[in-house]
Amino acid sequence: MDDNKNPFEEQENAETEGIESIDEQSENQNADTDETNEDEQSKEDNADTKYEELNNKYIRLAADFDNFRKRTASEKEELSKYTTVELLKKITSSLDTFDRAQDSLKEIDDVAKVKEGWEVAYKQLKDTLSKIGLVEIDALGSVFNPNEHEAITQVETDEYEPDCVAVVAQKGYKYQDKVVRAALVGVAKNKENE
C-alpha cells in the first residue's frame, strides 16, 4: 500500500462511484416507470375514447328503437282506423237496404212483400259480413267444443248423441280462426229411463 494514499479517500471514491451508480439506476428506473405510466395513460385514454364511442352508438340505437316503436304504433293505429272504415263502408250498404225496406213498409199492406223485403236485407247483411270474414259457427248436431260453444243447459234427447249440441239458443261467430262470440247451446244427454 502506498503510504501517501489516504485509505479513507479510496473508500470515499468507491462510495461516490456506488452512489453515482445507484443514481444512474434510479434514473433508468424512473425513465422506465415514466414510459410505463405513459403506456398506461395511453391505454386508459384509448379505453375512454372507445367507451365514449360505444356509449354514443348505444344512445343513438336506443333513440332509433324508440322512434321505430312510436312509428310502428302509429302505423298500427292508422291501419286499424282504415280497416274499421272499410268495414263500415261495407255495412252501410246493408243499412241502406234496411232503410229502403223501412220506407216501403209505410206503403205496403201485403205481409208477403214485407217478408220478402226483410229476407233480401237480411241476406245482403249476411253476405257482406261473410265477405269480411265473419262466419257462423255451425253448432247444431256437432260435438260440444268448449272453444266454440258455451253450454247453458243439458237436454235429454234421443235425437242427438250424448255430448253433442242439441239446441242453439244464440248463434256463435268466428272471424277467420278467432271466435268472436261463442254459441250458447244446450248439450244432449241420454234420456233417463223412468
N, C-alpha and C. Protein backbone atom coordinates (compact mmCIF):
# COMPACT_ATOMS: atom_id res chain seq x y z
N MET A 1 0.80 -1.16 0.00
CA MET A 1 0.00 0.00 0.00
C MET A 1 0.87 1.26 0.00
N ASP A 2 0.40 2.22 -0.69
CA ASP A 2 1.13 3.48 -0.77
C ASP A 2 0.85 4.28 0.49
N ASP A 3 1.97 4.74 1.14
CA ASP A 3 1.78 5.44 2.40
C ASP A 3 1.15 6.81 2.18
N ASN A 4 1.39 7.34 1.02
CA ASN A 4 0.86 8.66 0.75
C ASN A 4 -0.65 8.64 0.45
N LYS A 5 -1.08 7.52 0.15
CA LYS A 5 -2.52 7.44 -0.20
C LYS A 5 -3.34 7.34 1.06
N ASN A 6 -4.39 8.02 1.00
CA ASN A 6 -5.31 8.01 2.12
C ASN A 6 -6.32 6.89 1.91
N PRO A 7 -6.36 5.96 2.85
CA PRO A 7 -7.29 4.85 2.66
C PRO A 7 -8.73 5.32 2.72
N PHE A 8 -8.98 6.39 3.43
CA PHE A 8 -10.35 6.88 3.52
C PHE A 8 -10.80 7.50 2.20
N GLU A 9 -9.83 8.04 1.49
CA GLU A 9 -10.15 8.64 0.20
C GLU A 9 -10.60 7.57 -0.78
N GLU A 10 -9.94 6.46 -0.77
CA GLU A 10 -10.32 5.37 -1.67
C GLU A 10 -11.72 4.89 -1.35
N GLN A 11 -11.97 4.80 -0.07
CA GLN A 11 -13.29 4.33 0.32
C GLN A 11 -14.33 5.37 -0.10
N GLU A 12 -13.98 6.66 0.03
CA GLU A 12 -14.89 7.72 -0.37
C GLU A 12 -15.15 7.66 -1.87
N ASN A 13 -14.09 7.42 -2.62
CA ASN A 13 -14.24 7.32 -4.07
C ASN A 13 -15.13 6.14 -4.45
N ALA A 14 -14.92 5.05 -3.77
CA ALA A 14 -15.73 3.87 -4.06
C ALA A 14 -17.19 4.12 -3.72
N GLU A 15 -17.40 4.81 -2.59
CA GLU A 15 -18.77 5.10 -2.19
C GLU A 15 -19.41 6.08 -3.16
N THR A 16 -18.65 7.05 -3.59
CA THR A 16 -19.15 8.04 -4.54
C THR A 16 -19.50 7.36 -5.85
N GLU A 17 -18.61 6.48 -6.29
CA GLU A 17 -18.90 5.74 -7.52
C GLU A 17 -20.16 4.90 -7.36
N GLY A 18 -20.31 4.29 -6.17
CA GLY A 18 -21.50 3.48 -5.89
C GLY A 18 -22.76 4.32 -5.89
N ILE A 19 -22.65 5.54 -5.33
CA ILE A 19 -23.81 6.44 -5.30
C ILE A 19 -24.16 6.87 -6.70
N GLU A 20 -23.11 7.22 -7.49
CA GLU A 20 -23.39 7.60 -8.88
C GLU A 20 -24.04 6.45 -9.62
N SER A 21 -23.58 5.23 -9.33
CA SER A 21 -24.15 4.05 -9.98
C SER A 21 -25.61 3.88 -9.56
N ILE A 22 -25.91 4.09 -8.28
CA ILE A 22 -27.28 3.97 -7.78
C ILE A 22 -28.14 5.07 -8.39
N ASP A 23 -27.60 6.28 -8.51
CA ASP A 23 -28.36 7.37 -9.12
C ASP A 23 -28.69 7.06 -10.57
N GLU A 24 -27.73 6.49 -11.29
CA GLU A 24 -27.98 6.13 -12.68
C GLU A 24 -29.07 5.07 -12.76
N GLN A 25 -29.01 4.08 -11.87
CA GLN A 25 -30.04 3.03 -11.87
C GLN A 25 -31.41 3.63 -11.56
N SER A 26 -31.41 4.54 -10.59
CA SER A 26 -32.66 5.18 -10.20
C SER A 26 -33.23 5.98 -11.36
N GLU A 27 -32.37 6.69 -12.07
CA GLU A 27 -32.82 7.45 -13.24
C GLU A 27 -33.36 6.53 -14.32
N ASN A 28 -32.67 5.41 -14.53
CA ASN A 28 -33.13 4.42 -15.52
C ASN A 28 -34.50 3.87 -15.11
N GLN A 29 -34.66 3.58 -13.82
CA GLN A 29 -35.93 3.06 -13.35
C GLN A 29 -37.02 4.11 -13.48
N ASN A 30 -36.70 5.35 -13.16
CA ASN A 30 -37.67 6.43 -13.30
C ASN A 30 -38.08 6.59 -14.77
N ALA A 31 -37.13 6.46 -15.65
CA ALA A 31 -37.43 6.57 -17.08
C ALA A 31 -38.34 5.42 -17.50
N ASP A 32 -38.03 4.21 -17.02
CA ASP A 32 -38.88 3.05 -17.33
C ASP A 32 -40.28 3.24 -16.75
N THR A 33 -40.35 3.75 -15.53
CA THR A 33 -41.64 3.99 -14.89
C THR A 33 -42.43 5.04 -15.66
N ASP A 34 -41.74 6.09 -16.09
CA ASP A 34 -42.41 7.12 -16.88
C ASP A 34 -42.97 6.54 -18.17
N GLU A 35 -42.17 5.69 -18.83
CA GLU A 35 -42.64 5.06 -20.07
C GLU A 35 -43.84 4.16 -19.78
N THR A 36 -43.78 3.41 -18.68
CA THR A 36 -44.88 2.54 -18.30
C THR A 36 -46.12 3.36 -17.99
N ASN A 37 -45.94 4.44 -17.25
CA ASN A 37 -47.07 5.33 -16.92
C ASN A 37 -47.67 5.93 -18.18
N GLU A 38 -46.80 6.32 -19.11
CA GLU A 38 -47.29 6.88 -20.38
C GLU A 38 -48.07 5.84 -21.15
N ASP A 39 -47.57 4.57 -21.17
CA ASP A 39 -48.29 3.49 -21.86
C ASP A 39 -49.64 3.24 -21.20
N GLU A 40 -49.65 3.21 -19.87
CA GLU A 40 -50.91 3.00 -19.15
C GLU A 40 -51.86 4.16 -19.40
N GLN A 41 -51.36 5.36 -19.38
CA GLN A 41 -52.18 6.54 -19.63
C GLN A 41 -52.75 6.49 -21.05
N SER A 42 -51.93 6.07 -21.99
CA SER A 42 -52.36 5.96 -23.38
C SER A 42 -53.47 4.89 -23.49
N LYS A 43 -53.28 3.78 -22.80
CA LYS A 43 -54.30 2.72 -22.83
C LYS A 43 -55.60 3.22 -22.21
N GLU A 44 -55.49 3.94 -21.10
CA GLU A 44 -56.68 4.48 -20.45
C GLU A 44 -57.39 5.47 -21.37
N ASP A 45 -56.62 6.32 -22.05
CA ASP A 45 -57.22 7.27 -22.98
C ASP A 45 -57.93 6.54 -24.12
N ASN A 46 -57.30 5.48 -24.65
CA ASN A 46 -57.93 4.68 -25.71
C ASN A 46 -59.21 4.03 -25.21
N ALA A 47 -59.17 3.50 -23.99
CA ALA A 47 -60.35 2.86 -23.42
C ALA A 47 -61.46 3.88 -23.22
N ASP A 48 -61.12 5.07 -22.74
CA ASP A 48 -62.12 6.12 -22.55
C ASP A 48 -62.73 6.53 -23.88
N THR A 49 -61.89 6.66 -24.90
CA THR A 49 -62.38 7.02 -26.23
C THR A 49 -63.32 5.95 -26.77
N LYS A 50 -62.94 4.68 -26.64
CA LYS A 50 -63.80 3.59 -27.12
C LYS A 50 -65.10 3.56 -26.33
N TYR A 51 -65.01 3.80 -25.03
CA TYR A 51 -66.21 3.83 -24.20
C TYR A 51 -67.17 4.92 -24.67
N GLU A 52 -66.64 6.10 -24.93
CA GLU A 52 -67.47 7.22 -25.40
C GLU A 52 -68.11 6.88 -26.74
N GLU A 53 -67.33 6.27 -27.65
CA GLU A 53 -67.87 5.89 -28.95
C GLU A 53 -69.00 4.89 -28.80
N LEU A 54 -68.78 3.85 -27.98
CA LEU A 54 -69.81 2.84 -27.78
C LEU A 54 -71.03 3.42 -27.07
N ASN A 55 -70.80 4.28 -26.12
CA ASN A 55 -71.92 4.92 -25.42
C ASN A 55 -72.75 5.76 -26.38
N ASN A 56 -72.09 6.51 -27.25
CA ASN A 56 -72.80 7.32 -28.24
C ASN A 56 -73.59 6.43 -29.20
N LYS A 57 -72.99 5.31 -29.63
CA LYS A 57 -73.70 4.38 -30.51
C LYS A 57 -74.93 3.81 -29.81
N TYR A 58 -74.76 3.47 -28.52
CA TYR A 58 -75.88 2.93 -27.75
C TYR A 58 -77.01 3.95 -27.65
N ILE A 59 -76.67 5.18 -27.36
CA ILE A 59 -77.69 6.23 -27.23
C ILE A 59 -78.43 6.42 -28.56
N ARG A 60 -77.68 6.44 -29.66
CA ARG A 60 -78.32 6.58 -30.98
C ARG A 60 -79.21 5.39 -31.29
N LEU A 61 -78.73 4.18 -30.97
CA LEU A 61 -79.52 2.97 -31.21
C LEU A 61 -80.79 2.97 -30.38
N ALA A 62 -80.69 3.37 -29.12
CA ALA A 62 -81.87 3.43 -28.25
C ALA A 62 -82.87 4.45 -28.80
N ALA A 63 -82.39 5.58 -29.28
CA ALA A 63 -83.27 6.60 -29.85
C ALA A 63 -83.93 6.08 -31.13
N ASP A 64 -83.15 5.40 -31.97
CA ASP A 64 -83.71 4.82 -33.20
C ASP A 64 -84.79 3.80 -32.87
N PHE A 65 -84.53 2.96 -31.87
CA PHE A 65 -85.52 1.95 -31.49
C PHE A 65 -86.78 2.61 -30.97
N ASP A 66 -86.64 3.64 -30.15
CA ASP A 66 -87.80 4.34 -29.61
C ASP A 66 -88.61 4.97 -30.75
N ASN A 67 -87.93 5.57 -31.71
CA ASN A 67 -88.62 6.15 -32.87
C ASN A 67 -89.34 5.06 -33.68
N PHE A 68 -88.67 3.92 -33.85
CA PHE A 68 -89.28 2.80 -34.58
C PHE A 68 -90.54 2.32 -33.86
N ARG A 69 -90.46 2.20 -32.52
CA ARG A 69 -91.60 1.74 -31.74
C ARG A 69 -92.78 2.72 -31.89
N LYS A 70 -92.49 4.01 -31.81
CA LYS A 70 -93.55 5.02 -31.95
C LYS A 70 -94.15 5.00 -33.35
N ARG A 71 -93.28 4.87 -34.37
CA ARG A 71 -93.76 4.84 -35.74
C ARG A 71 -94.63 3.61 -35.99
N THR A 72 -94.21 2.46 -35.45
CA THR A 72 -94.97 1.23 -35.62
C THR A 72 -96.33 1.34 -34.95
N ALA A 73 -96.36 1.89 -33.75
CA ALA A 73 -97.64 2.07 -33.04
C ALA A 73 -98.56 2.99 -33.83
N SER A 74 -97.99 4.05 -34.39
CA SER A 74 -98.78 4.99 -35.19
C SER A 74 -99.33 4.31 -36.44
N GLU A 75 -98.49 3.52 -37.11
CA GLU A 75 -98.93 2.82 -38.32
C GLU A 75 -100.01 1.79 -37.98
N LYS A 76 -99.85 1.13 -36.85
CA LYS A 76 -100.84 0.14 -36.42
C LYS A 76 -102.19 0.81 -36.16
N GLU A 77 -102.16 1.95 -35.50
CA GLU A 77 -103.39 2.70 -35.23
C GLU A 77 -104.03 3.16 -36.53
N GLU A 78 -103.21 3.63 -37.44
CA GLU A 78 -103.72 4.10 -38.74
C GLU A 78 -104.34 2.94 -39.52
N LEU A 79 -103.69 1.78 -39.50
CA LEU A 79 -104.21 0.60 -40.19
C LEU A 79 -105.54 0.16 -39.58
N SER A 80 -105.62 0.22 -38.25
CA SER A 80 -106.86 -0.15 -37.57
C SER A 80 -108.00 0.79 -37.98
N LYS A 81 -107.71 2.09 -38.05
CA LYS A 81 -108.72 3.06 -38.48
C LYS A 81 -109.17 2.77 -39.91
N TYR A 82 -108.20 2.48 -40.78
CA TYR A 82 -108.51 2.20 -42.18
C TYR A 82 -109.38 0.96 -42.29
N THR A 83 -109.03 -0.08 -41.53
CA THR A 83 -109.79 -1.33 -41.57
C THR A 83 -111.21 -1.09 -41.08
N THR A 84 -111.35 -0.34 -40.02
CA THR A 84 -112.68 -0.03 -39.48
C THR A 84 -113.51 0.75 -40.50
N VAL A 85 -112.90 1.71 -41.16
CA VAL A 85 -113.60 2.49 -42.16
C VAL A 85 -114.07 1.60 -43.31
N GLU A 86 -113.20 0.71 -43.77
CA GLU A 86 -113.57 -0.19 -44.86
C GLU A 86 -114.72 -1.11 -44.44
N LEU A 87 -114.68 -1.60 -43.20
CA LEU A 87 -115.74 -2.46 -42.68
C LEU A 87 -117.06 -1.69 -42.64
N LEU A 88 -117.01 -0.47 -42.14
CA LEU A 88 -118.23 0.33 -42.04
C LEU A 88 -118.80 0.67 -43.42
N LYS A 89 -117.93 0.90 -44.41
CA LYS A 89 -118.41 1.16 -45.77
C LYS A 89 -119.22 -0.02 -46.28
N LYS A 90 -118.73 -1.23 -46.00
CA LYS A 90 -119.44 -2.42 -46.48
C LYS A 90 -120.77 -2.61 -45.75
N ILE A 91 -120.80 -2.31 -44.47
CA ILE A 91 -122.03 -2.50 -43.70
C ILE A 91 -123.06 -1.43 -44.04
N THR A 92 -122.61 -0.22 -44.39
CA THR A 92 -123.58 0.85 -44.69
C THR A 92 -124.45 0.51 -45.89
N SER A 93 -123.93 -0.26 -46.83
CA SER A 93 -124.78 -0.64 -47.97
C SER A 93 -125.94 -1.52 -47.49
N SER A 94 -125.67 -2.36 -46.49
CA SER A 94 -126.76 -3.17 -45.92
C SER A 94 -127.74 -2.29 -45.16
N LEU A 95 -127.22 -1.27 -44.48
CA LEU A 95 -128.11 -0.34 -43.78
C LEU A 95 -129.02 0.39 -44.76
N ASP A 96 -128.50 0.72 -45.93
CA ASP A 96 -129.32 1.38 -46.97
C ASP A 96 -130.49 0.48 -47.35
N THR A 97 -130.22 -0.81 -47.47
CA THR A 97 -131.28 -1.75 -47.83
C THR A 97 -132.34 -1.79 -46.73
N PHE A 98 -131.90 -1.80 -45.46
CA PHE A 98 -132.86 -1.77 -44.36
C PHE A 98 -133.67 -0.48 -44.37
N ASP A 99 -133.03 0.64 -44.69
CA ASP A 99 -133.75 1.92 -44.76
C ASP A 99 -134.81 1.89 -45.85
N ARG A 100 -134.46 1.35 -47.02
CA ARG A 100 -135.44 1.25 -48.11
C ARG A 100 -136.60 0.34 -47.71
N ALA A 101 -136.26 -0.75 -47.02
CA ALA A 101 -137.32 -1.67 -46.56
C ALA A 101 -138.22 -0.96 -45.55
N GLN A 102 -137.64 -0.19 -44.67
CA GLN A 102 -138.42 0.55 -43.66
C GLN A 102 -139.36 1.55 -44.34
N ASP A 103 -138.84 2.26 -45.35
CA ASP A 103 -139.68 3.22 -46.08
C ASP A 103 -140.82 2.51 -46.82
N SER A 104 -140.53 1.34 -47.38
CA SER A 104 -141.56 0.64 -48.14
C SER A 104 -142.63 0.05 -47.24
N LEU A 105 -142.32 -0.14 -45.95
CA LEU A 105 -143.32 -0.67 -45.02
C LEU A 105 -144.50 0.28 -44.88
N LYS A 106 -144.27 1.56 -45.05
CA LYS A 106 -145.33 2.56 -44.91
C LYS A 106 -146.38 2.42 -46.01
N GLU A 107 -145.95 1.92 -47.17
CA GLU A 107 -146.85 1.85 -48.33
C GLU A 107 -147.36 0.45 -48.59
N ILE A 108 -146.79 -0.56 -47.95
CA ILE A 108 -147.16 -1.95 -48.26
C ILE A 108 -148.12 -2.47 -47.20
N ASP A 109 -149.19 -3.08 -47.70
CA ASP A 109 -150.14 -3.73 -46.81
C ASP A 109 -149.98 -5.24 -46.87
N ASP A 110 -149.30 -5.73 -47.89
CA ASP A 110 -149.15 -7.18 -48.09
C ASP A 110 -147.99 -7.70 -47.24
N VAL A 111 -148.28 -8.60 -46.34
CA VAL A 111 -147.28 -9.16 -45.44
C VAL A 111 -146.22 -9.94 -46.21
N ALA A 112 -146.58 -10.57 -47.30
CA ALA A 112 -145.64 -11.37 -48.09
C ALA A 112 -144.54 -10.47 -48.66
N LYS A 113 -144.91 -9.26 -49.08
CA LYS A 113 -143.91 -8.34 -49.62
C LYS A 113 -142.98 -7.84 -48.51
N VAL A 114 -143.53 -7.63 -47.34
CA VAL A 114 -142.71 -7.21 -46.20
C VAL A 114 -141.70 -8.31 -45.88
N LYS A 115 -142.18 -9.53 -45.85
CA LYS A 115 -141.32 -10.68 -45.57
C LYS A 115 -140.22 -10.80 -46.62
N GLU A 116 -140.59 -10.62 -47.86
CA GLU A 116 -139.62 -10.72 -48.96
C GLU A 116 -138.54 -9.63 -48.84
N GLY A 117 -138.96 -8.40 -48.54
CA GLY A 117 -138.01 -7.30 -48.37
C GLY A 117 -137.06 -7.55 -47.18
N TRP A 118 -137.64 -8.06 -46.12
CA TRP A 118 -136.83 -8.38 -44.94
C TRP A 118 -135.78 -9.44 -45.27
N GLU A 119 -136.18 -10.46 -45.99
CA GLU A 119 -135.26 -11.55 -46.34
C GLU A 119 -134.12 -11.05 -47.24
N VAL A 120 -134.44 -10.14 -48.16
CA VAL A 120 -133.42 -9.57 -49.04
C VAL A 120 -132.40 -8.78 -48.21
N ALA A 121 -132.88 -7.95 -47.30
CA ALA A 121 -131.99 -7.13 -46.47
C ALA A 121 -131.13 -8.01 -45.57
N TYR A 122 -131.74 -9.03 -44.97
CA TYR A 122 -131.01 -9.94 -44.08
C TYR A 122 -129.92 -10.70 -44.86
N LYS A 123 -130.28 -11.19 -46.04
CA LYS A 123 -129.31 -11.94 -46.86
C LYS A 123 -128.14 -11.03 -47.26
N GLN A 124 -128.44 -9.79 -47.62
CA GLN A 124 -127.39 -8.86 -48.02
C GLN A 124 -126.44 -8.60 -46.84
N LEU A 125 -126.97 -8.41 -45.65
CA LEU A 125 -126.13 -8.18 -44.47
C LEU A 125 -125.25 -9.40 -44.18
N LYS A 126 -125.83 -10.59 -44.25
CA LYS A 126 -125.04 -11.82 -44.01
C LYS A 126 -123.94 -11.97 -45.06
N ASP A 127 -124.27 -11.68 -46.32
CA ASP A 127 -123.26 -11.78 -47.39
C ASP A 127 -122.12 -10.79 -47.17
N THR A 128 -122.48 -9.57 -46.76
CA THR A 128 -121.47 -8.55 -46.50
C THR A 128 -120.54 -9.00 -45.38
N LEU A 129 -121.11 -9.48 -44.29
CA LEU A 129 -120.29 -9.95 -43.17
C LEU A 129 -119.46 -11.17 -43.55
N SER A 130 -120.01 -12.02 -44.40
CA SER A 130 -119.27 -13.20 -44.85
C SER A 130 -118.07 -12.79 -45.71
N LYS A 131 -118.25 -11.78 -46.55
CA LYS A 131 -117.13 -11.29 -47.37
C LYS A 131 -116.02 -10.70 -46.51
N ILE A 132 -116.41 -10.09 -45.42
CA ILE A 132 -115.43 -9.52 -44.49
C ILE A 132 -114.65 -10.64 -43.80
N GLY A 133 -115.29 -11.80 -43.63
CA GLY A 133 -114.61 -12.93 -42.99
C GLY A 133 -115.33 -13.45 -41.77
N LEU A 134 -116.51 -12.89 -41.46
CA LEU A 134 -117.29 -13.36 -40.31
C LEU A 134 -118.14 -14.54 -40.75
N VAL A 135 -117.98 -15.68 -40.06
CA VAL A 135 -118.76 -16.86 -40.41
C VAL A 135 -119.48 -17.38 -39.17
N GLU A 136 -120.63 -17.95 -39.41
CA GLU A 136 -121.42 -18.52 -38.33
C GLU A 136 -120.82 -19.87 -37.92
N ILE A 137 -120.78 -20.11 -36.62
CA ILE A 137 -120.30 -21.40 -36.11
C ILE A 137 -121.44 -22.40 -36.28
N ASP A 138 -121.17 -23.46 -37.01
CA ASP A 138 -122.16 -24.50 -37.24
C ASP A 138 -122.18 -25.41 -36.02
N ALA A 139 -123.12 -25.17 -35.11
CA ALA A 139 -123.09 -25.85 -33.82
C ALA A 139 -124.06 -27.02 -33.74
N LEU A 140 -125.26 -26.89 -34.26
CA LEU A 140 -126.31 -27.90 -34.09
C LEU A 140 -125.86 -29.27 -34.60
N GLY A 141 -125.88 -30.25 -33.70
CA GLY A 141 -125.52 -31.62 -34.07
C GLY A 141 -124.04 -31.92 -33.95
N SER A 142 -123.22 -30.91 -33.78
CA SER A 142 -121.78 -31.15 -33.67
C SER A 142 -121.40 -31.50 -32.23
N VAL A 143 -120.25 -32.13 -32.06
CA VAL A 143 -119.77 -32.47 -30.73
C VAL A 143 -119.45 -31.18 -29.99
N PHE A 144 -119.84 -31.13 -28.71
CA PHE A 144 -119.61 -29.93 -27.90
C PHE A 144 -118.12 -29.59 -27.87
N ASN A 145 -117.80 -28.33 -28.21
CA ASN A 145 -116.43 -27.83 -28.22
C ASN A 145 -116.39 -26.59 -27.34
N PRO A 146 -115.75 -26.67 -26.16
CA PRO A 146 -115.76 -25.51 -25.26
C PRO A 146 -115.07 -24.27 -25.83
N ASN A 147 -114.30 -24.43 -26.89
CA ASN A 147 -113.66 -23.27 -27.52
C ASN A 147 -114.62 -22.50 -28.40
N GLU A 148 -115.69 -23.17 -28.88
CA GLU A 148 -116.65 -22.52 -29.77
C GLU A 148 -118.06 -22.45 -29.19
N HIS A 149 -118.33 -23.28 -28.20
CA HIS A 149 -119.68 -23.35 -27.63
C HIS A 149 -119.64 -23.03 -26.14
N GLU A 150 -120.73 -22.43 -25.68
CA GLU A 150 -120.90 -22.19 -24.25
C GLU A 150 -122.19 -22.90 -23.83
N ALA A 151 -122.03 -23.92 -23.01
CA ALA A 151 -123.18 -24.72 -22.58
C ALA A 151 -123.98 -23.96 -21.54
N ILE A 152 -125.29 -23.88 -21.77
CA ILE A 152 -126.16 -23.22 -20.80
C ILE A 152 -127.15 -24.20 -20.18
N THR A 153 -127.28 -25.37 -20.79
CA THR A 153 -128.20 -26.38 -20.27
C THR A 153 -127.85 -27.75 -20.85
N GLN A 154 -128.46 -28.78 -20.25
CA GLN A 154 -128.38 -30.12 -20.81
C GLN A 154 -129.78 -30.51 -21.25
N VAL A 155 -129.86 -31.21 -22.36
CA VAL A 155 -131.16 -31.57 -22.93
C VAL A 155 -131.23 -33.09 -23.03
N GLU A 156 -132.28 -33.66 -22.45
CA GLU A 156 -132.49 -35.11 -22.59
C GLU A 156 -133.13 -35.35 -23.95
N THR A 157 -132.47 -36.15 -24.77
CA THR A 157 -132.97 -36.42 -26.11
C THR A 157 -132.37 -37.70 -26.66
N ASP A 158 -133.12 -38.32 -27.55
CA ASP A 158 -132.61 -39.49 -28.28
C ASP A 158 -132.19 -39.07 -29.69
N GLU A 159 -132.51 -37.84 -30.06
CA GLU A 159 -132.24 -37.35 -31.42
C GLU A 159 -130.74 -37.13 -31.67
N TYR A 160 -130.02 -36.72 -30.64
CA TYR A 160 -128.58 -36.44 -30.77
C TYR A 160 -127.78 -37.32 -29.81
N GLU A 161 -126.58 -37.61 -30.20
CA GLU A 161 -125.67 -38.38 -29.35
C GLU A 161 -125.35 -37.57 -28.09
N PRO A 162 -125.03 -38.25 -26.99
CA PRO A 162 -124.61 -37.50 -25.80
C PRO A 162 -123.37 -36.65 -26.10
N ASP A 163 -123.30 -35.51 -25.46
CA ASP A 163 -122.21 -34.53 -25.62
C ASP A 163 -122.21 -33.85 -26.99
N CYS A 164 -123.31 -33.93 -27.69
CA CYS A 164 -123.47 -33.18 -28.93
C CYS A 164 -124.42 -32.01 -28.67
N VAL A 165 -124.35 -31.00 -29.50
CA VAL A 165 -125.21 -29.82 -29.35
C VAL A 165 -126.60 -30.17 -29.86
N ALA A 166 -127.60 -30.07 -28.95
CA ALA A 166 -128.98 -30.40 -29.30
C ALA A 166 -129.82 -29.15 -29.56
N VAL A 167 -129.43 -28.03 -28.93
CA VAL A 167 -130.19 -26.78 -29.05
C VAL A 167 -129.21 -25.62 -29.17
N VAL A 168 -129.50 -24.69 -30.08
CA VAL A 168 -128.70 -23.47 -30.18
C VAL A 168 -129.57 -22.31 -29.73
N ALA A 169 -129.23 -21.75 -28.58
CA ALA A 169 -130.00 -20.62 -28.04
C ALA A 169 -129.57 -19.30 -28.67
N GLN A 170 -128.30 -19.20 -29.00
CA GLN A 170 -127.77 -17.99 -29.65
C GLN A 170 -126.62 -18.41 -30.55
N LYS A 171 -126.66 -17.94 -31.80
CA LYS A 171 -125.61 -18.31 -32.76
C LYS A 171 -124.26 -17.76 -32.32
N GLY A 172 -123.23 -18.49 -32.68
CA GLY A 172 -121.86 -18.03 -32.45
C GLY A 172 -121.21 -17.67 -33.78
N TYR A 173 -120.16 -16.83 -33.70
CA TYR A 173 -119.49 -16.38 -34.92
C TYR A 173 -117.98 -16.43 -34.75
N LYS A 174 -117.31 -16.67 -35.89
CA LYS A 174 -115.86 -16.67 -35.93
C LYS A 174 -115.39 -15.71 -37.00
N TYR A 175 -114.29 -15.07 -36.74
CA TYR A 175 -113.62 -14.26 -37.76
C TYR A 175 -112.32 -14.96 -38.06
N GLN A 176 -112.24 -15.53 -39.26
CA GLN A 176 -111.13 -16.39 -39.65
C GLN A 176 -111.04 -17.53 -38.63
N ASP A 177 -109.97 -17.63 -37.86
CA ASP A 177 -109.87 -18.73 -36.88
C ASP A 177 -110.19 -18.28 -35.46
N LYS A 178 -110.52 -17.03 -35.27
CA LYS A 178 -110.78 -16.49 -33.92
C LYS A 178 -112.27 -16.45 -33.64
N VAL A 179 -112.65 -16.98 -32.47
CA VAL A 179 -114.06 -16.95 -32.07
C VAL A 179 -114.40 -15.53 -31.61
N VAL A 180 -115.37 -14.93 -32.29
CA VAL A 180 -115.84 -13.59 -31.93
C VAL A 180 -116.85 -13.71 -30.80
N ARG A 181 -117.74 -14.66 -30.94
CA ARG A 181 -118.74 -14.93 -29.89
C ARG A 181 -119.05 -16.41 -29.92
N ALA A 182 -118.97 -17.05 -28.76
CA ALA A 182 -119.28 -18.48 -28.66
C ALA A 182 -120.79 -18.67 -28.79
N ALA A 183 -121.18 -19.80 -29.35
CA ALA A 183 -122.60 -20.13 -29.46
C ALA A 183 -123.11 -20.60 -28.10
N LEU A 184 -124.28 -20.09 -27.70
CA LEU A 184 -124.92 -20.56 -26.47
C LEU A 184 -125.75 -21.79 -26.83
N VAL A 185 -125.44 -22.92 -26.20
CA VAL A 185 -126.03 -24.18 -26.64
C VAL A 185 -126.54 -25.01 -25.47
N GLY A 186 -127.43 -25.94 -25.82
CA GLY A 186 -127.86 -26.99 -24.90
C GLY A 186 -127.22 -28.28 -25.36
N VAL A 187 -126.62 -29.01 -24.45
CA VAL A 187 -125.88 -30.23 -24.79
C VAL A 187 -126.77 -31.45 -24.52
N ALA A 188 -126.75 -32.38 -25.46
CA ALA A 188 -127.59 -33.58 -25.35
C ALA A 188 -127.05 -34.52 -24.30
N LYS A 189 -128.00 -35.17 -23.62
CA LYS A 189 -127.65 -36.26 -22.71
C LYS A 189 -128.71 -37.34 -22.89
N ASN A 190 -128.38 -38.57 -22.51
CA ASN A 190 -129.32 -39.68 -22.67
C ASN A 190 -130.54 -39.45 -21.79
N LYS A 191 -131.69 -39.88 -22.31
CA LYS A 191 -132.90 -39.81 -21.50
C LYS A 191 -132.77 -40.83 -20.39
N GLU A 192 -133.20 -40.42 -19.23
CA GLU A 192 -133.20 -41.36 -18.12
C GLU A 192 -134.43 -42.22 -18.20
N ASN A 193 -134.24 -43.52 -17.99
CA ASN A 193 -135.38 -44.44 -18.03
C ASN A 193 -136.25 -44.20 -16.80
N GLU A 194 -137.54 -44.06 -17.06
CA GLU A 194 -138.47 -43.81 -15.96
C GLU A 194 -139.10 -45.07 -15.48
